[in-house]
Amino acid sequence: MSNRFEFEQAPGHLIRRAHQISVAVFAEEVGAHTVTPVQFAILNALLEQSGIDQITLAQRVAFDAATIGSVIGRLERRAGCAASPTRPTGGASCCG
């Protein structure tokens, strides 16, 4: 019986490796378009339903609702996505 910790089989290590591989595959597939995986997920969610507010969009793509606005801002500058206010609470519709 070995006392060695086999980190190669540890869940955290395997998840990190899976993430590294998925990012590499994503970069190969869409690298020429210079969008991040989060931006790609947002654009795909907006293709399915345009005009949704930022909180709903964040929930759809499993992203932090507090910081999705900055991602949307970068999309506005890069991809011509336009966000517009939809209610007094600061929600916005995107690429609506």
N, C-alpha and C. Protein backbone atom coordinates (compact mmCIF):
# COMPACT_ATOMS: atom_id res chain seq x y z
N MET A 1 0.84 -1.18 0.00
CA MET A 1 0.00 0.00 0.00
C MET A 1 0.88 1.25 0.00
N SER A 2 0.62 2.14 -0.90
CA SER A 2 1.42 3.35 -1.05
C SER A 2 0.81 4.48 -0.23
N ASN A 3 1.68 5.30 0.38
CA ASN A 3 1.23 6.49 1.10
C ASN A 3 1.19 7.71 0.20
N ARG A 4 1.56 7.53 -1.03
CA ARG A 4 1.61 8.63 -1.98
C ARG A 4 0.19 9.09 -2.33
N PHE A 5 -0.02 10.40 -2.28
CA PHE A 5 -1.31 10.96 -2.70
C PHE A 5 -1.31 11.04 -4.22
N GLU A 6 -2.25 10.40 -4.83
CA GLU A 6 -2.32 10.38 -6.30
C GLU A 6 -3.18 11.55 -6.77
N PHE A 7 -2.53 12.71 -6.87
CA PHE A 7 -3.27 13.90 -7.26
C PHE A 7 -3.86 13.78 -8.66
N GLU A 8 -3.26 12.94 -9.50
CA GLU A 8 -3.77 12.75 -10.86
C GLU A 8 -5.20 12.24 -10.86
N GLN A 9 -5.63 11.63 -9.76
CA GLN A 9 -6.98 11.09 -9.65
C GLN A 9 -7.88 11.96 -8.76
N ALA A 10 -7.35 13.03 -8.22
CA ALA A 10 -8.14 13.90 -7.35
C ALA A 10 -9.16 14.67 -8.17
N PRO A 11 -10.39 14.77 -7.68
CA PRO A 11 -11.44 15.47 -8.45
C PRO A 11 -11.05 16.88 -8.88
N GLY A 12 -10.44 17.65 -7.99
CA GLY A 12 -10.05 19.02 -8.35
C GLY A 12 -9.06 19.06 -9.50
N HIS A 13 -8.11 18.16 -9.48
CA HIS A 13 -7.12 18.09 -10.56
C HIS A 13 -7.79 17.69 -11.88
N LEU A 14 -8.67 16.70 -11.82
CA LEU A 14 -9.35 16.25 -13.04
C LEU A 14 -10.26 17.33 -13.61
N ILE A 15 -10.92 18.08 -12.74
CA ILE A 15 -11.77 19.17 -13.21
C ILE A 15 -10.91 20.26 -13.86
N ARG A 16 -9.78 20.60 -13.23
CA ARG A 16 -8.89 21.61 -13.82
C ARG A 16 -8.39 21.17 -15.18
N ARG A 17 -7.99 19.91 -15.31
CA ARG A 17 -7.51 19.39 -16.59
C ARG A 17 -8.61 19.41 -17.64
N ALA A 18 -9.81 19.02 -17.24
CA ALA A 18 -10.94 19.04 -18.18
C ALA A 18 -11.20 20.47 -18.67
N HIS A 19 -11.09 21.43 -17.75
CA HIS A 19 -11.28 22.83 -18.13
C HIS A 19 -10.19 23.28 -19.10
N GLN A 20 -8.95 22.92 -18.82
CA GLN A 20 -7.85 23.29 -19.72
C GLN A 20 -8.08 22.72 -21.12
N ILE A 21 -8.51 21.48 -21.19
CA ILE A 21 -8.75 20.84 -22.49
C ILE A 21 -9.92 21.51 -23.19
N SER A 22 -10.99 21.81 -22.46
CA SER A 22 -12.15 22.45 -23.10
C SER A 22 -11.81 23.83 -23.62
N VAL A 23 -10.99 24.58 -22.90
CA VAL A 23 -10.57 25.91 -23.36
C VAL A 23 -9.72 25.78 -24.62
N ALA A 24 -8.84 24.79 -24.66
CA ALA A 24 -8.01 24.58 -25.85
C ALA A 24 -8.85 24.22 -27.06
N VAL A 25 -9.84 23.35 -26.88
CA VAL A 25 -10.72 22.96 -27.98
C VAL A 25 -11.53 24.18 -28.44
N PHE A 26 -12.04 24.95 -27.49
CA PHE A 26 -12.80 26.16 -27.83
C PHE A 26 -11.93 27.11 -28.65
N ALA A 27 -10.69 27.33 -28.21
CA ALA A 27 -9.79 28.24 -28.92
C ALA A 27 -9.52 27.76 -30.34
N GLU A 28 -9.39 26.47 -30.52
CA GLU A 28 -9.20 25.92 -31.87
C GLU A 28 -10.41 26.18 -32.76
N GLU A 29 -11.58 26.02 -32.19
CA GLU A 29 -12.82 26.15 -32.98
C GLU A 29 -13.18 27.59 -33.30
N VAL A 30 -13.04 28.49 -32.36
CA VAL A 30 -13.50 29.87 -32.57
C VAL A 30 -12.39 30.90 -32.40
N GLY A 31 -11.17 30.46 -32.32
CA GLY A 31 -10.05 31.36 -32.07
C GLY A 31 -9.98 32.55 -32.99
N ALA A 32 -10.32 32.38 -34.24
CA ALA A 32 -10.23 33.47 -35.20
C ALA A 32 -11.26 34.57 -34.92
N HIS A 33 -12.28 34.25 -34.15
CA HIS A 33 -13.34 35.22 -33.89
C HIS A 33 -13.09 36.06 -32.64
N THR A 34 -12.06 35.75 -31.89
CA THR A 34 -11.63 36.47 -30.70
C THR A 34 -12.76 36.75 -29.70
N VAL A 35 -13.57 35.77 -29.43
CA VAL A 35 -14.54 35.88 -28.35
C VAL A 35 -14.15 34.88 -27.27
N THR A 36 -14.48 35.22 -26.05
CA THR A 36 -14.20 34.32 -24.93
C THR A 36 -15.33 33.29 -24.83
N PRO A 37 -15.11 32.21 -24.10
CA PRO A 37 -16.20 31.24 -23.91
C PRO A 37 -17.45 31.87 -23.31
N VAL A 38 -17.29 32.80 -22.36
CA VAL A 38 -18.45 33.45 -21.75
C VAL A 38 -19.17 34.32 -22.79
N GLN A 39 -18.42 35.08 -23.58
CA GLN A 39 -19.04 35.90 -24.62
C GLN A 39 -19.76 35.02 -25.63
N PHE A 40 -19.17 33.91 -25.98
CA PHE A 40 -19.79 32.98 -26.92
C PHE A 40 -21.11 32.45 -26.35
N ALA A 41 -21.10 32.10 -25.07
CA ALA A 41 -22.33 31.61 -24.43
C ALA A 41 -23.40 32.69 -24.41
N ILE A 42 -23.00 33.93 -24.14
CA ILE A 42 -23.95 35.05 -24.12
C ILE A 42 -24.54 35.25 -25.51
N LEU A 43 -23.70 35.27 -26.53
CA LEU A 43 -24.20 35.48 -27.89
C LEU A 43 -25.16 34.36 -28.31
N ASN A 44 -24.85 33.12 -27.93
CA ASN A 44 -25.74 32.01 -28.25
C ASN A 44 -27.06 32.12 -27.50
N ALA A 45 -27.01 32.54 -26.24
CA ALA A 45 -28.25 32.72 -25.47
C ALA A 45 -29.10 33.82 -26.09
N LEU A 46 -28.44 34.88 -26.59
CA LEU A 46 -29.18 35.97 -27.21
C LEU A 46 -29.75 35.58 -28.57
N LEU A 47 -29.11 34.64 -29.24
CA LEU A 47 -29.69 34.12 -30.49
C LEU A 47 -31.00 33.39 -30.21
N GLU A 48 -31.03 32.68 -29.08
CA GLU A 48 -32.24 31.95 -28.71
C GLU A 48 -33.35 32.89 -28.27
N GLN A 49 -32.99 33.94 -27.52
CA GLN A 49 -33.99 34.89 -27.03
C GLN A 49 -33.36 36.26 -26.87
N SER A 50 -33.59 37.12 -27.83
CA SER A 50 -33.03 38.47 -27.74
C SER A 50 -33.90 39.31 -26.80
N GLY A 51 -33.31 40.38 -26.31
CA GLY A 51 -34.06 41.32 -25.49
C GLY A 51 -34.24 40.91 -24.05
N ILE A 52 -33.56 39.90 -23.57
CA ILE A 52 -33.70 39.50 -22.17
C ILE A 52 -32.84 40.39 -21.28
N ASP A 53 -33.24 40.51 -20.02
CA ASP A 53 -32.48 41.36 -19.11
C ASP A 53 -31.19 40.67 -18.66
N GLN A 54 -30.29 41.45 -18.10
CA GLN A 54 -28.97 40.94 -17.75
C GLN A 54 -29.02 39.85 -16.68
N ILE A 55 -29.91 39.95 -15.74
CA ILE A 55 -29.99 38.93 -14.68
C ILE A 55 -30.45 37.60 -15.26
N THR A 56 -31.45 37.63 -16.10
CA THR A 56 -31.91 36.40 -16.76
C THR A 56 -30.82 35.83 -17.65
N LEU A 57 -30.14 36.70 -18.37
CA LEU A 57 -29.04 36.27 -19.23
C LEU A 57 -27.94 35.61 -18.40
N ALA A 58 -27.58 36.22 -17.29
CA ALA A 58 -26.55 35.65 -16.41
C ALA A 58 -26.96 34.27 -15.92
N GLN A 59 -28.22 34.11 -15.57
CA GLN A 59 -28.71 32.80 -15.13
C GLN A 59 -28.64 31.78 -16.25
N ARG A 60 -28.99 32.18 -17.46
CA ARG A 60 -28.97 31.27 -18.61
C ARG A 60 -27.58 30.72 -18.90
N VAL A 61 -26.56 31.57 -18.74
CA VAL A 61 -25.21 31.15 -19.09
C VAL A 61 -24.38 30.79 -17.85
N ALA A 62 -25.04 30.72 -16.69
CA ALA A 62 -24.38 30.36 -15.43
C ALA A 62 -23.19 31.26 -15.14
N PHE A 63 -23.44 32.57 -15.21
CA PHE A 63 -22.39 33.56 -14.97
C PHE A 63 -22.85 34.50 -13.87
N ASP A 64 -21.90 35.13 -13.22
CA ASP A 64 -22.18 36.04 -12.12
C ASP A 64 -22.96 37.26 -12.60
N ALA A 65 -24.15 37.46 -12.02
CA ALA A 65 -25.00 38.58 -12.44
C ALA A 65 -24.37 39.93 -12.15
N ALA A 66 -23.51 40.01 -11.14
CA ALA A 66 -22.88 41.29 -10.79
C ALA A 66 -21.83 41.73 -11.80
N THR A 67 -21.23 40.80 -12.53
CA THR A 67 -20.16 41.18 -13.45
C THR A 67 -20.50 40.96 -14.92
N ILE A 68 -21.69 40.47 -15.20
CA ILE A 68 -22.03 40.22 -16.60
C ILE A 68 -22.10 41.53 -17.39
N GLY A 69 -22.39 42.62 -16.71
CA GLY A 69 -22.45 43.92 -17.38
C GLY A 69 -21.14 44.29 -18.05
N SER A 70 -20.02 43.97 -17.40
CA SER A 70 -18.73 44.29 -18.00
C SER A 70 -18.47 43.42 -19.23
N VAL A 71 -18.92 42.18 -19.19
CA VAL A 71 -18.77 41.30 -20.36
C VAL A 71 -19.62 41.84 -21.50
N ILE A 72 -20.82 42.26 -21.19
CA ILE A 72 -21.70 42.83 -22.21
C ILE A 72 -21.09 44.11 -22.78
N GLY A 73 -20.47 44.91 -21.92
CA GLY A 73 -19.79 46.13 -22.39
C GLY A 73 -18.71 45.81 -23.41
N ARG A 74 -17.94 44.77 -23.14
CA ARG A 74 -16.89 44.38 -24.09
C ARG A 74 -17.51 43.88 -25.40
N LEU A 75 -18.62 43.17 -25.30
CA LEU A 75 -19.31 42.72 -26.53
C LEU A 75 -19.84 43.91 -27.32
N GLU A 76 -20.32 44.91 -26.62
CA GLU A 76 -20.80 46.12 -27.31
C GLU A 76 -19.67 46.74 -28.13
N ARG A 77 -18.50 46.81 -27.54
CA ARG A 77 -17.37 47.41 -28.25
C ARG A 77 -16.85 46.51 -29.37
N ARG A 78 -16.83 45.21 -29.16
CA ARG A 78 -16.24 44.28 -30.13
C ARG A 78 -17.20 43.83 -31.21
N ALA A 79 -18.39 43.44 -30.82
CA ALA A 79 -19.28 42.75 -31.74
C ALA A 79 -20.49 43.59 -32.16
N GLY A 80 -20.54 44.81 -31.73
CA GLY A 80 -21.66 45.65 -32.12
C GLY A 80 -22.95 45.30 -31.39
N CYS A 81 -22.85 44.66 -30.25
CA CYS A 81 -24.01 44.34 -29.43
C CYS A 81 -24.45 45.62 -28.73
N ALA A 82 -25.73 45.88 -28.71
CA ALA A 82 -26.22 47.09 -28.05
C ALA A 82 -27.11 46.72 -26.88
N ALA A 83 -26.80 47.26 -25.72
CA ALA A 83 -27.63 47.06 -24.54
C ALA A 83 -28.44 48.32 -24.31
N SER A 84 -29.69 48.14 -23.96
CA SER A 84 -30.54 49.29 -23.71
C SER A 84 -31.33 49.07 -22.42
N PRO A 85 -31.53 50.12 -21.64
CA PRO A 85 -32.28 49.98 -20.39
C PRO A 85 -33.69 49.50 -20.65
N THR A 86 -34.19 48.58 -19.78
CA THR A 86 -35.55 48.08 -19.96
C THR A 86 -36.42 48.38 -18.78
N ARG A 87 -35.82 48.73 -17.64
CA ARG A 87 -36.62 49.05 -16.45
C ARG A 87 -35.81 49.91 -15.51
N PRO A 88 -36.47 50.56 -14.55
CA PRO A 88 -35.77 51.48 -13.66
C PRO A 88 -34.70 50.82 -12.77
N THR A 89 -34.76 49.52 -12.58
CA THR A 89 -33.81 48.85 -11.69
C THR A 89 -32.45 48.64 -12.35
N GLY A 90 -32.30 49.02 -13.60
CA GLY A 90 -31.01 48.91 -14.25
C GLY A 90 -30.86 47.69 -15.11
N GLY A 91 -31.91 46.90 -15.23
CA GLY A 91 -31.85 45.76 -16.13
C GLY A 91 -31.64 46.25 -17.54
N ALA A 92 -31.10 45.43 -18.39
CA ALA A 92 -30.87 45.86 -19.77
C ALA A 92 -31.21 44.74 -20.71
N SER A 93 -31.73 45.09 -21.86
CA SER A 93 -31.88 44.09 -22.89
C SER A 93 -30.66 44.20 -23.77
N CYS A 94 -30.24 43.08 -24.30
CA CYS A 94 -28.99 43.06 -25.05
C CYS A 94 -29.24 42.60 -26.47
N CYS A 95 -28.61 43.26 -27.39
CA CYS A 95 -28.75 42.88 -28.80
C CYS A 95 -30.19 42.63 -29.16
N GLY A 96 -31.06 43.47 -28.61
CA GLY A 96 -32.48 43.26 -28.67
C GLY A 96 -33.15 43.52 -29.93
